[in-house]
Amino acid sequence: MLGYVTVGTNDLERAARFYDAIAAEMGVGRMMEFDSFIAWGKMDGPAGIAATKPYDGKAASVGNGMMVALEAVDSAQVHRLHAIALEHGGTDEGEPGPRGEADEQGNVFYAAYFRDPDGNKLNAFVMTKAQ
């Protein structure tokens, strides 16, 4: 159902460094780029992410309660994405680890939470077997 998610930025160059690193870990790169907008993902692939300076020319702001979830391939990638985020100007919102109880199949929601340099909240997650 989702085509892509866009987050606002007040510094596109800084956002590009952050999302270039995240996208590289996830095996994708930039798929569209304009003076005020960059999108990462694969054409005709799953949903991507974009960073943009607001069209109305006003300052970008963070949506309270809004979060972008990035699906990782395994718990090791959850850890790598969290570390990459922090290395590229992001801030920690919750270290990698299991959240909640395992489901009937023994799977647990494993996630890490972080903010990009503009304050937009993201997480990296995977459903994995409980340890």
N, C-alpha and C. Protein backbone atom coordinates (compact mmCIF):
# COMPACT_ATOMS: atom_id res chain seq x y z
N MET A 1 0.81 -1.19 0.00
CA MET A 1 0.00 0.00 0.00
C MET A 1 0.86 1.26 0.00
N LEU A 2 1.95 1.31 0.75
CA LEU A 2 2.80 2.49 0.76
C LEU A 2 3.67 2.54 -0.48
N GLY A 3 3.76 3.70 -1.08
CA GLY A 3 4.65 3.91 -2.22
C GLY A 3 6.01 4.41 -1.77
N TYR A 4 6.00 5.38 -0.85
CA TYR A 4 7.21 5.92 -0.25
C TYR A 4 6.82 6.80 0.92
N VAL A 5 7.81 7.15 1.74
CA VAL A 5 7.62 8.04 2.89
C VAL A 5 8.56 9.21 2.70
N THR A 6 8.10 10.40 3.00
CA THR A 6 8.93 11.60 2.90
C THR A 6 9.07 12.24 4.28
N VAL A 7 10.29 12.61 4.61
CA VAL A 7 10.55 13.36 5.85
C VAL A 7 11.08 14.73 5.46
N GLY A 8 10.78 15.72 6.27
CA GLY A 8 11.25 17.07 6.01
C GLY A 8 12.66 17.27 6.54
N THR A 9 13.39 18.16 5.88
CA THR A 9 14.73 18.50 6.34
C THR A 9 14.97 19.99 6.15
N ASN A 10 15.80 20.54 7.02
CA ASN A 10 16.24 21.93 6.88
C ASN A 10 17.65 22.00 6.31
N ASP A 11 18.28 20.85 6.12
CA ASP A 11 19.64 20.77 5.60
C ASP A 11 19.74 19.52 4.74
N LEU A 12 19.44 19.66 3.46
CA LEU A 12 19.38 18.51 2.55
C LEU A 12 20.73 17.80 2.43
N GLU A 13 21.81 18.56 2.45
CA GLU A 13 23.14 17.94 2.35
C GLU A 13 23.41 17.04 3.56
N ARG A 14 23.08 17.51 4.74
CA ARG A 14 23.25 16.71 5.96
C ARG A 14 22.34 15.50 5.93
N ALA A 15 21.09 15.68 5.53
CA ALA A 15 20.15 14.56 5.44
C ALA A 15 20.65 13.54 4.42
N ALA A 16 21.23 14.01 3.32
CA ALA A 16 21.74 13.10 2.30
C ALA A 16 22.84 12.21 2.86
N ARG A 17 23.75 12.76 3.63
CA ARG A 17 24.82 11.95 4.23
C ARG A 17 24.23 10.86 5.13
N PHE A 18 23.24 11.24 5.94
CA PHE A 18 22.59 10.29 6.85
C PHE A 18 21.89 9.19 6.06
N TYR A 19 21.02 9.56 5.13
CA TYR A 19 20.23 8.56 4.40
C TYR A 19 21.05 7.80 3.36
N ASP A 20 22.10 8.38 2.81
CA ASP A 20 23.00 7.61 1.94
C ASP A 20 23.58 6.42 2.70
N ALA A 21 24.00 6.64 3.94
CA ALA A 21 24.59 5.57 4.75
C ALA A 21 23.56 4.51 5.12
N ILE A 22 22.38 4.94 5.52
CA ILE A 22 21.30 4.00 5.85
C ILE A 22 20.93 3.18 4.62
N ALA A 23 20.74 3.86 3.48
CA ALA A 23 20.34 3.18 2.25
C ALA A 23 21.40 2.18 1.79
N ALA A 24 22.66 2.56 1.90
CA ALA A 24 23.74 1.65 1.49
C ALA A 24 23.69 0.35 2.29
N GLU A 25 23.47 0.46 3.60
CA GLU A 25 23.37 -0.76 4.42
C GLU A 25 22.20 -1.62 3.98
N MET A 26 21.13 -0.99 3.47
CA MET A 26 19.94 -1.72 3.05
C MET A 26 20.00 -2.15 1.59
N GLY A 27 21.13 -1.88 0.93
CA GLY A 27 21.33 -2.36 -0.43
C GLY A 27 20.67 -1.53 -1.51
N VAL A 28 20.38 -0.26 -1.22
CA VAL A 28 19.79 0.62 -2.22
C VAL A 28 20.56 1.93 -2.25
N GLY A 29 20.27 2.74 -3.24
CA GLY A 29 20.89 4.05 -3.35
C GLY A 29 19.85 5.09 -3.70
N ARG A 30 20.34 6.22 -4.15
CA ARG A 30 19.44 7.30 -4.58
C ARG A 30 18.74 6.88 -5.87
N MET A 31 17.43 7.11 -5.92
CA MET A 31 16.70 6.80 -7.15
C MET A 31 16.13 8.05 -7.80
N MET A 32 16.07 9.16 -7.08
CA MET A 32 15.64 10.45 -7.63
C MET A 32 16.37 11.53 -6.86
N GLU A 33 16.72 12.61 -7.58
CA GLU A 33 17.42 13.69 -6.91
C GLU A 33 17.15 15.01 -7.62
N PHE A 34 16.73 16.00 -6.83
CA PHE A 34 16.47 17.35 -7.31
C PHE A 34 17.13 18.32 -6.35
N ASP A 35 17.06 19.61 -6.62
CA ASP A 35 17.68 20.61 -5.74
C ASP A 35 17.14 20.58 -4.31
N SER A 36 15.87 20.22 -4.14
CA SER A 36 15.27 20.27 -2.81
C SER A 36 14.77 18.92 -2.33
N PHE A 37 15.11 17.82 -3.03
CA PHE A 37 14.49 16.53 -2.76
C PHE A 37 15.41 15.41 -3.19
N ILE A 38 15.57 14.39 -2.34
CA ILE A 38 16.30 13.17 -2.69
C ILE A 38 15.47 11.99 -2.22
N ALA A 39 15.35 10.97 -3.07
CA ALA A 39 14.64 9.74 -2.72
C ALA A 39 15.59 8.55 -2.83
N TRP A 40 15.46 7.62 -1.88
CA TRP A 40 16.28 6.41 -1.86
C TRP A 40 15.38 5.20 -2.00
N GLY A 41 15.85 4.21 -2.73
CA GLY A 41 15.09 2.97 -2.91
C GLY A 41 15.40 2.39 -4.27
N LYS A 42 14.51 1.55 -4.77
CA LYS A 42 14.64 0.94 -6.09
C LYS A 42 13.39 1.26 -6.89
N MET A 43 13.58 1.73 -8.12
CA MET A 43 12.43 1.95 -9.00
C MET A 43 11.69 0.63 -9.14
N ASP A 44 10.39 0.67 -9.05
CA ASP A 44 9.53 -0.52 -9.13
C ASP A 44 9.83 -1.51 -8.01
N GLY A 45 10.47 -1.06 -6.93
CA GLY A 45 10.75 -1.91 -5.78
C GLY A 45 9.80 -1.60 -4.65
N PRO A 46 10.11 -2.09 -3.46
CA PRO A 46 9.27 -1.79 -2.30
C PRO A 46 9.35 -0.30 -1.95
N ALA A 47 8.55 0.12 -0.98
CA ALA A 47 8.49 1.52 -0.58
C ALA A 47 9.88 2.07 -0.26
N GLY A 48 10.13 3.30 -0.67
CA GLY A 48 11.38 3.98 -0.40
C GLY A 48 11.18 5.12 0.58
N ILE A 49 12.23 5.89 0.77
CA ILE A 49 12.18 7.04 1.68
C ILE A 49 12.78 8.24 0.97
N ALA A 50 12.26 9.41 1.26
CA ALA A 50 12.75 10.65 0.66
C ALA A 50 12.92 11.71 1.74
N ALA A 51 13.84 12.61 1.50
CA ALA A 51 14.03 13.78 2.35
C ALA A 51 13.83 15.01 1.48
N THR A 52 13.12 15.99 1.99
CA THR A 52 12.82 17.18 1.18
C THR A 52 12.79 18.44 2.03
N LYS A 53 13.17 19.53 1.40
CA LYS A 53 12.92 20.83 1.99
C LYS A 53 11.43 21.11 1.75
N PRO A 54 10.70 21.61 2.74
CA PRO A 54 9.27 21.82 2.54
C PRO A 54 8.97 22.73 1.35
N TYR A 55 7.95 22.33 0.60
CA TYR A 55 7.53 23.04 -0.60
C TYR A 55 7.10 24.48 -0.29
N ASP A 56 6.51 24.70 0.89
CA ASP A 56 6.01 26.04 1.22
C ASP A 56 7.11 27.01 1.66
N GLY A 57 8.36 26.53 1.71
CA GLY A 57 9.48 27.39 2.07
C GLY A 57 9.66 27.61 3.56
N LYS A 58 8.74 27.09 4.36
CA LYS A 58 8.85 27.22 5.81
C LYS A 58 9.79 26.15 6.35
N ALA A 59 10.18 26.28 7.61
CA ALA A 59 11.08 25.31 8.24
C ALA A 59 10.41 23.95 8.36
N ALA A 60 11.19 22.90 8.14
CA ALA A 60 10.71 21.54 8.37
C ALA A 60 10.55 21.33 9.87
N SER A 61 9.57 20.55 10.26
CA SER A 61 9.37 20.22 11.66
C SER A 61 9.02 18.74 11.77
N VAL A 62 9.17 18.21 12.95
CA VAL A 62 8.95 16.79 13.20
C VAL A 62 7.49 16.55 13.55
N GLY A 63 6.90 15.50 13.00
CA GLY A 63 5.53 15.13 13.33
C GLY A 63 5.50 14.35 14.63
N ASN A 64 4.80 14.86 15.63
CA ASN A 64 4.70 14.18 16.92
C ASN A 64 3.89 12.90 16.75
N GLY A 65 4.49 11.78 17.11
CA GLY A 65 3.83 10.48 16.96
C GLY A 65 4.10 9.81 15.63
N MET A 66 4.77 10.48 14.73
CA MET A 66 5.10 9.94 13.41
C MET A 66 6.44 9.22 13.47
N MET A 67 6.53 8.05 12.82
CA MET A 67 7.78 7.31 12.78
C MET A 67 7.83 6.51 11.49
N VAL A 68 9.02 6.38 10.93
CA VAL A 68 9.25 5.57 9.74
C VAL A 68 9.94 4.29 10.19
N ALA A 69 9.40 3.13 9.82
CA ALA A 69 9.97 1.84 10.19
C ALA A 69 10.67 1.23 8.99
N LEU A 70 11.94 0.87 9.17
CA LEU A 70 12.76 0.26 8.12
C LEU A 70 12.90 -1.23 8.42
N GLU A 71 12.45 -2.09 7.50
CA GLU A 71 12.51 -3.52 7.74
C GLU A 71 13.89 -4.06 7.44
N ALA A 72 14.52 -4.60 8.47
CA ALA A 72 15.85 -5.18 8.35
C ALA A 72 15.74 -6.65 7.95
N VAL A 73 16.87 -7.21 7.51
CA VAL A 73 16.88 -8.62 7.11
C VAL A 73 17.11 -9.55 8.30
N ASP A 74 17.76 -9.05 9.35
CA ASP A 74 18.01 -9.85 10.55
C ASP A 74 18.39 -8.92 11.70
N SER A 75 18.54 -9.48 12.89
CA SER A 75 18.83 -8.65 14.06
C SER A 75 20.21 -8.00 13.96
N ALA A 76 21.15 -8.65 13.27
CA ALA A 76 22.47 -8.03 13.09
C ALA A 76 22.36 -6.74 12.29
N GLN A 77 21.48 -6.74 11.28
CA GLN A 77 21.30 -5.51 10.50
C GLN A 77 20.62 -4.44 11.33
N VAL A 78 19.73 -4.82 12.24
CA VAL A 78 19.12 -3.84 13.15
C VAL A 78 20.23 -3.12 13.92
N HIS A 79 21.18 -3.87 14.43
CA HIS A 79 22.31 -3.29 15.16
C HIS A 79 23.14 -2.38 14.25
N ARG A 80 23.42 -2.84 13.03
CA ARG A 80 24.23 -2.03 12.11
C ARG A 80 23.53 -0.73 11.75
N LEU A 81 22.24 -0.79 11.47
CA LEU A 81 21.49 0.42 11.11
C LEU A 81 21.48 1.41 12.27
N HIS A 82 21.30 0.94 13.48
CA HIS A 82 21.32 1.81 14.65
C HIS A 82 22.68 2.48 14.77
N ALA A 83 23.74 1.71 14.64
CA ALA A 83 25.10 2.26 14.73
C ALA A 83 25.37 3.26 13.61
N ILE A 84 24.96 2.93 12.40
CA ILE A 84 25.15 3.84 11.25
C ILE A 84 24.42 5.15 11.50
N ALA A 85 23.20 5.06 12.00
CA ALA A 85 22.42 6.27 12.28
C ALA A 85 23.17 7.17 13.25
N LEU A 86 23.68 6.59 14.34
CA LEU A 86 24.38 7.39 15.35
C LEU A 86 25.70 7.94 14.80
N GLU A 87 26.38 7.18 13.96
CA GLU A 87 27.65 7.64 13.36
C GLU A 87 27.44 8.78 12.37
N HIS A 88 26.22 8.93 11.85
CA HIS A 88 25.95 9.94 10.83
C HIS A 88 25.04 11.05 11.33
N GLY A 89 25.13 11.37 12.62
CA GLY A 89 24.43 12.52 13.16
C GLY A 89 23.07 12.23 13.76
N GLY A 90 22.65 10.98 13.79
CA GLY A 90 21.39 10.63 14.41
C GLY A 90 21.53 10.53 15.92
N THR A 91 20.40 10.43 16.60
CA THR A 91 20.40 10.29 18.06
C THR A 91 19.63 9.03 18.45
N ASP A 92 20.03 8.45 19.56
CA ASP A 92 19.45 7.20 20.05
C ASP A 92 18.07 7.45 20.65
N GLU A 93 17.13 6.59 20.31
CA GLU A 93 15.78 6.62 20.90
C GLU A 93 15.42 5.26 21.48
N GLY A 94 16.38 4.32 21.48
CA GLY A 94 16.12 2.98 22.02
C GLY A 94 17.07 1.99 21.39
N GLU A 95 17.98 1.46 22.19
CA GLU A 95 18.99 0.54 21.68
C GLU A 95 18.37 -0.73 21.11
N PRO A 96 19.10 -1.42 20.23
CA PRO A 96 18.59 -2.65 19.64
C PRO A 96 18.27 -3.71 20.69
N GLY A 97 17.16 -4.39 20.48
CA GLY A 97 16.78 -5.48 21.37
C GLY A 97 15.36 -5.91 21.13
N PRO A 98 14.96 -7.02 21.77
CA PRO A 98 13.59 -7.51 21.61
C PRO A 98 12.60 -6.60 22.33
N ARG A 99 11.42 -6.51 21.78
CA ARG A 99 10.35 -5.72 22.38
C ARG A 99 9.15 -6.66 22.56
N GLY A 100 8.64 -6.73 23.75
CA GLY A 100 7.46 -7.55 24.00
C GLY A 100 7.77 -9.03 24.10
N GLU A 101 6.72 -9.81 24.11
CA GLU A 101 6.81 -11.26 24.24
C GLU A 101 6.76 -11.93 22.86
N ALA A 102 7.28 -13.14 22.81
CA ALA A 102 7.24 -13.91 21.56
C ALA A 102 5.80 -14.26 21.22
N ASP A 103 5.53 -14.36 19.90
CA ASP A 103 4.20 -14.76 19.46
C ASP A 103 4.07 -16.29 19.49
N GLU A 104 2.96 -16.80 18.99
CA GLU A 104 2.68 -18.24 19.03
C GLU A 104 3.73 -19.07 18.28
N GLN A 105 4.40 -18.49 17.30
CA GLN A 105 5.43 -19.19 16.52
C GLN A 105 6.82 -18.99 17.12
N GLY A 106 6.91 -18.32 18.24
CA GLY A 106 8.20 -18.09 18.88
C GLY A 106 8.97 -16.91 18.31
N ASN A 107 8.30 -16.04 17.54
CA ASN A 107 8.94 -14.86 16.97
C ASN A 107 8.75 -13.66 17.88
N VAL A 108 9.74 -12.81 17.89
CA VAL A 108 9.68 -11.59 18.70
C VAL A 108 10.01 -10.39 17.80
N PHE A 109 9.41 -9.26 18.13
CA PHE A 109 9.70 -8.00 17.44
C PHE A 109 11.02 -7.49 17.98
N TYR A 110 12.03 -7.37 17.11
CA TYR A 110 13.37 -6.95 17.50
C TYR A 110 13.63 -5.62 16.81
N ALA A 111 13.91 -4.57 17.58
CA ALA A 111 13.98 -3.24 16.98
C ALA A 111 14.99 -2.33 17.67
N ALA A 112 15.36 -1.29 16.96
CA ALA A 112 16.16 -0.19 17.48
C ALA A 112 15.51 1.09 17.00
N TYR A 113 15.55 2.13 17.82
CA TYR A 113 14.91 3.40 17.51
C TYR A 113 15.95 4.52 17.49
N PHE A 114 15.80 5.44 16.53
CA PHE A 114 16.73 6.55 16.41
C PHE A 114 16.06 7.70 15.67
N ARG A 115 16.68 8.86 15.77
CA ARG A 115 16.21 10.04 15.03
C ARG A 115 17.28 10.46 14.04
N ASP A 116 16.83 10.98 12.91
CA ASP A 116 17.78 11.52 11.93
C ASP A 116 18.26 12.89 12.42
N PRO A 117 19.20 13.53 11.72
CA PRO A 117 19.72 14.81 12.19
C PRO A 117 18.68 15.92 12.30
N ASP A 118 17.54 15.80 11.60
CA ASP A 118 16.48 16.80 11.70
C ASP A 118 15.48 16.46 12.80
N GLY A 119 15.64 15.31 13.45
CA GLY A 119 14.74 14.92 14.53
C GLY A 119 13.62 13.99 14.13
N ASN A 120 13.57 13.57 12.86
CA ASN A 120 12.55 12.62 12.42
C ASN A 120 12.84 11.25 13.03
N LYS A 121 11.82 10.62 13.59
CA LYS A 121 12.01 9.34 14.27
C LYS A 121 11.89 8.18 13.28
N LEU A 122 12.84 7.24 13.42
CA LEU A 122 12.85 6.02 12.62
C LEU A 122 13.11 4.84 13.52
N ASN A 123 12.83 3.66 13.00
CA ASN A 123 13.29 2.45 13.66
C ASN A 123 13.72 1.46 12.60
N ALA A 124 14.55 0.52 13.02
CA ALA A 124 14.91 -0.63 12.20
C ALA A 124 14.36 -1.83 12.97
N PHE A 125 13.69 -2.75 12.27
CA PHE A 125 13.05 -3.86 12.96
C PHE A 125 13.11 -5.13 12.12
N VAL A 126 12.91 -6.24 12.81
CA VAL A 126 12.75 -7.54 12.17
C VAL A 126 11.96 -8.42 13.12
N MET A 127 11.18 -9.32 12.58
CA MET A 127 10.55 -10.37 13.38
C MET A 127 11.52 -11.53 13.34
N THR A 128 11.94 -12.00 14.51
CA THR A 128 12.95 -13.05 14.57
C THR A 128 12.63 -14.02 15.69
N LYS A 129 13.23 -15.18 15.64
CA LYS A 129 13.02 -16.18 16.70
C LYS A 129 13.55 -15.64 18.02
N ALA A 130 12.78 -15.82 19.08
CA ALA A 130 13.20 -15.39 20.41
C ALA A 130 14.40 -16.22 20.84
N GLN A 131 15.32 -15.58 21.54
CA GLN A 131 16.53 -16.27 22.01
C GLN A 131 16.31 -16.91 23.35
